Amino acid sequence: PRPPGASPGALSPFDRRLKRKQKNWAALQAEPAKCDYLREEVRGTRSAAFAPLGTFPLALDVGSGRGYIAQHLTKETVEKLIQVDVAENALKSAVETEIPTVRVVADEEFLPFKEDTFDLVVSSLSLHWVNDLPKAFKEIHQVLKPDGVFIGAMLGGDTLYELRCSLQLAELEREGGFSPHVSPFTAVADLGHLLARAGFNTLTVDTDEIQVNYPGLFEVMEDLQGEYILCMGESNCSWNRKPLLHRETMLAAAAIYREMYGNSDGSVPATFQIYYMIGWKYHESQAKPAQRGSATVSFGDLAKIEELISRGKK
């Protein structure tokens, strides 16, 4: 059943109750750590982003899961950390670190903290399951102190495009139509606008792709079920998801996958697109852009400068 007031569609595409169940199930698996290869890659890629920013007295990890980000932080970076996740089992199995940590069960869409509380907010591969992303960004901005910074990573729109295309073409051929089997994702063109609208400034938005090769589509699906999707609590929880795939459709999708995307060695790729973002909450001490019309050099003079430089080289 849907929670009171929830409705499927563009404004509420995800069943958040189901997402909580999926993440709780994932946290109880015998070896959850072996399923974290994507999160490990993402947190390792961006761990260096914290170093030049100084020390943060109080930080918040939104959608922390088992504490993937915390394992890359030190007391010199963060003095105290609060981890928030919708799944209580994930928090119970969180990895301990040297940083004093408080764990809070709460939905990422409704942060239970006062305004101007945190010096740093981080989030890794959690926000793509949020129904109202603009509201989530606004809440993150609200709980940050002035001059506080938000550093996040989320899955992007081209994630698993090989799998999506193969399944859709196979369903069209065998069943005369298709339904989504992979969650919808935000486009990178929208991300900077959403962050700016939430109040963040000095924005940085970057994209990266992580590609994993598999023997075939069935191995992709098995690994997604066992590692990326279920063990990581990332199963499709869209309201309009289709519960089952016919075997004939799967066989056709496997052939299409190999034909369209197969590597020369016989393997097939699965692509994960990652969006990385950094945004600051305004403070009067931050550098401000110069007033309009205050420039002393015209862009038209740049050509003259380049000409003088080229002459000097000669």
Foldseek 3Di string as FASTA:
>chain_A
DADPPDDDDLLFFFRVVLLQVLLQQLLPDPCLVVQCPVLLVVLVVCLVVQVVPWAWAEEEEQQCFQNSNVVSDDCRHYQEYEYEHQHPSRPVNRDDDPHHYHYDHDHLLDDPAAFQATQEYEYEADLQNDSHNLSSLLVVLRNHHAQHKYKYKHWAQCFQVLLQVLLQVLCCVPPVGDFDQARGGDHQVCVVVSNVVSAWPPKDKDKDKDKDKDLWDVRVVVSCCVRVCRSNSNGGRTPGHDPDDDPSSVVSSRVVSCVPANDPVNIGMGMTMMMIMMTGHHDPPDDDDDDPPPDPDDPVCVVVVVVVVVVVVD
